[in-house]
C-alpha atoms as a PDB file:
ATOM      1  CA  UNK A   1    -129.654 195.536  33.725  1.00  0.00           C
ATOM      2  CA  UNK A   2    -130.542 196.959  36.491  1.00  0.00           C
ATOM      3  CA  UNK A   3    -134.922 196.722  37.553  1.00  0.00           C
ATOM      4  CA  UNK A   4    -136.483 199.816  38.518  1.00  0.00           C
ATOM      5  CA  UNK A   5    -138.860 199.812  41.711  1.00  0.00           C
ATOM      6  CA  UNK A   6    -142.183 199.245  41.611  1.00  0.00           C
ATOM      7  CA  UNK A   7    -145.018 201.712  40.165  1.00  0.00           C
ATOM      8  CA  UNK A   8    -146.610 201.953  43.878  1.00  0.00           C
ATOM      9  CA  UNK A   9    -148.130 204.720  45.777  1.00  0.00           C
ATOM     10  CA  UNK A  10    -145.084 207.058  47.480  1.00  0.00           C
ATOM     11  CA  UNK A  11    -145.491 206.580  51.630  1.00  0.00           C
ATOM     12  CA  UNK A  12    -144.274 209.463  53.731  1.00  0.00           C
ATOM     13  CA  UNK A  13    -144.957 208.060  56.886  1.00  0.00           C
ATOM     14  CA  UNK A  14    -146.628 205.270  58.919  1.00  0.00           C
ATOM     15  CA  UNK A  15    -150.220 206.908  58.776  1.00  0.00           C
ATOM     16  CA  UNK A  16    -149.577 206.917  55.029  1.00  0.00           C
ATOM     17  CA  UNK A  17    -148.541 203.518  54.880  1.00  0.00           C
ATOM     18  CA  UNK A  18    -151.714 202.254  56.859  1.00  0.00           C
ATOM     19  CA  UNK A  19    -154.062 204.173  54.415  1.00  0.00           C
ATOM     20  CA  UNK A  20    -152.158 202.972  51.510  1.00  0.00           C
ATOM     21  CA  UNK A  21    -152.486 198.867  53.136  1.00  0.00           C
ATOM     22  CA  UNK A  22    -156.279 199.879  53.734  1.00  0.00           C
ATOM     23  CA  UNK A  23    -156.055 200.646  49.886  1.00  0.00           C
ATOM     24  CA  UNK A  24    -155.125 197.638  48.928  1.00  0.00           C
ATOM     25  CA  UNK A  25    -157.142 195.322  51.336  1.00  0.00           C
ATOM     26  CA  UNK A  26    -160.354 197.147  50.401  1.00  0.00           C
ATOM     27  CA  UNK A  27    -159.365 196.347  46.565  1.00  0.00           C
ATOM     28  CA  UNK A  28    -158.727 192.640  47.622  1.00  0.00           C
ATOM     29  CA  UNK A  29    -162.354 192.510  49.315  1.00  0.00           C
ATOM     30  CA  UNK A  30    -164.181 193.993  46.359  1.00  0.00           C
ATOM     31  CA  UNK A  31    -162.487 191.793  44.322  1.00  0.00           C
ATOM     32  CA  UNK A  32    -163.452 188.653  46.457  1.00  0.00           C
ATOM     33  CA  UNK A  33    -166.832 189.765  46.411  1.00  0.00           C
ATOM     34  CA  UNK A  34    -166.537 190.403  42.234  1.00  0.00           C
ATOM     35  CA  UNK A  35    -165.994 186.524  42.349  1.00  0.00           C
ATOM     36  CA  UNK A  36    -168.341 184.763  44.410  1.00  0.00           C
ATOM     37  CA  UNK A  37    -167.005 185.015  47.922  1.00  0.00           C
ATOM     38  CA  UNK A  38    -169.491 185.785  50.804  1.00  0.00           C
ATOM     39  CA  UNK A  39    -168.405 189.193  52.099  1.00  0.00           C
ATOM     40  CA  UNK A  40    -168.915 187.566  55.588  1.00  0.00           C
ATOM     41  CA  UNK A  41    -166.273 184.521  54.650  1.00  0.00           C
ATOM     42  CA  UNK A  42    -164.447 187.413  53.276  1.00  0.00           C
ATOM     43  CA  UNK A  43    -164.090 189.322  56.430  1.00  0.00           C
ATOM     44  CA  UNK A  44    -163.381 185.926  58.714  1.00  0.00           C
ATOM     45  CA  UNK A  45    -160.370 185.123  56.700  1.00  0.00           C
ATOM     46  CA  UNK A  46    -158.774 188.622  56.274  1.00  0.00           C
ATOM     47  CA  UNK A  47    -159.407 188.794  60.278  1.00  0.00           C
ATOM     48  CA  UNK A  48    -157.662 185.629  60.994  1.00  0.00           C
ATOM     49  CA  UNK A  49    -154.431 186.604  58.493  1.00  0.00           C
ATOM     50  CA  UNK A  50    -154.333 189.622  59.889  1.00  0.00           C
ATOM     51  CA  UNK A  51    -153.946 187.763  63.849  1.00  0.00           C
ATOM     52  CA  UNK A  52    -151.525 185.562  62.376  1.00  0.00           C
ATOM     53  CA  UNK A  53    -149.475 188.145  60.934  1.00  0.00           C
ATOM     54  CA  UNK A  54    -149.602 189.859  64.070  1.00  0.00           C
ATOM     55  CA  UNK A  55    -148.847 187.243  66.529  1.00  0.00           C
ATOM     56  CA  UNK A  56    -145.690 186.239  64.492  1.00  0.00           C
ATOM     57  CA  UNK A  57    -144.820 190.057  64.360  1.00  0.00           C
ATOM     58  CA  UNK A  58    -145.240 191.094  68.441  1.00  0.00           C
ATOM     59  CA  UNK A  59    -146.422 187.962  70.180  1.00  0.00           C
ATOM     60  CA  UNK A  60    -149.404 186.046  71.535  1.00  0.00           C
ATOM     61  CA  UNK A  61    -149.690 188.590  74.777  1.00  0.00           C
ATOM     62  CA  UNK A  62    -148.952 191.733  72.669  1.00  0.00           C
ATOM     63  CA  UNK A  63    -151.856 190.869  70.219  1.00  0.00           C
ATOM     64  CA  UNK A  64    -154.093 189.318  73.205  1.00  0.00           C
ATOM     65  CA  UNK A  65    -154.007 193.137  74.520  1.00  0.00           C
ATOM     66  CA  UNK A  66    -154.483 194.840  71.490  1.00  0.00           C
ATOM     67  CA  UNK A  67    -157.747 192.618  70.711  1.00  0.00           C
ATOM     68  CA  UNK A  68    -158.767 193.443  74.642  1.00  0.00           C
ATOM     69  CA  UNK A  69    -158.940 196.803  73.445  1.00  0.00           C
ATOM     70  CA  UNK A  70    -161.166 196.060  70.413  1.00  0.00           C
ATOM     71  CA  UNK A  71    -164.475 195.934  71.948  1.00  0.00           C
ATOM     72  CA  UNK A  72    -164.200 199.618  73.611  1.00  0.00           C
ATOM     73  CA  UNK A  73    -162.903 200.838  69.622  1.00  0.00           C
ATOM     74  CA  UNK A  74    -165.854 199.081  67.777  1.00  0.00           C
ATOM     75  CA  UNK A  75    -168.804 200.312  69.994  1.00  0.00           C
ATOM     76  CA  UNK A  76    -167.294 203.771  69.654  1.00  0.00           C
ATOM     77  CA  UNK A  77    -167.776 204.071  66.128  1.00  0.00           C
ATOM     78  CA  UNK A  78    -163.787 203.533  65.153  1.00  0.00           C
ATOM     79  CA  UNK A  79    -164.363 200.968  62.507  1.00  0.00           C
ATOM     80  CA  UNK A  80    -168.131 202.409  61.526  1.00  0.00           C
ATOM     81  CA  UNK A  81    -167.705 203.819  57.837  1.00  0.00           C
ATOM     82  CA  UNK A  82    -171.703 204.722  57.967  1.00  0.00           C
ATOM     83  CA  UNK A  83    -172.472 208.426  58.207  1.00  0.00           C
ATOM     84  CA  UNK A  84    -173.585 209.613  62.289  1.00  0.00           C
ATOM     85  CA  UNK A  85    -176.465 211.728  63.054  1.00  0.00           C
END
């Protein structure tokens, strides 16, 4: 008996993969809030897990350079969801 692949989102490219990954993280975030976790606690844990994975994949120096660019990206509104006027 052969197993068929899981019916997940079909992913065409890297950007589509990142969008799909963000959808999974967003869903996990919502589930954690529904389970009673504080959003700040989940956000800190998610950031820690993400940085840990990036360090394992790319190394400490590369992740430090990446993280060093975060302040300007945050200030530029790259992570802001609210509508800008």
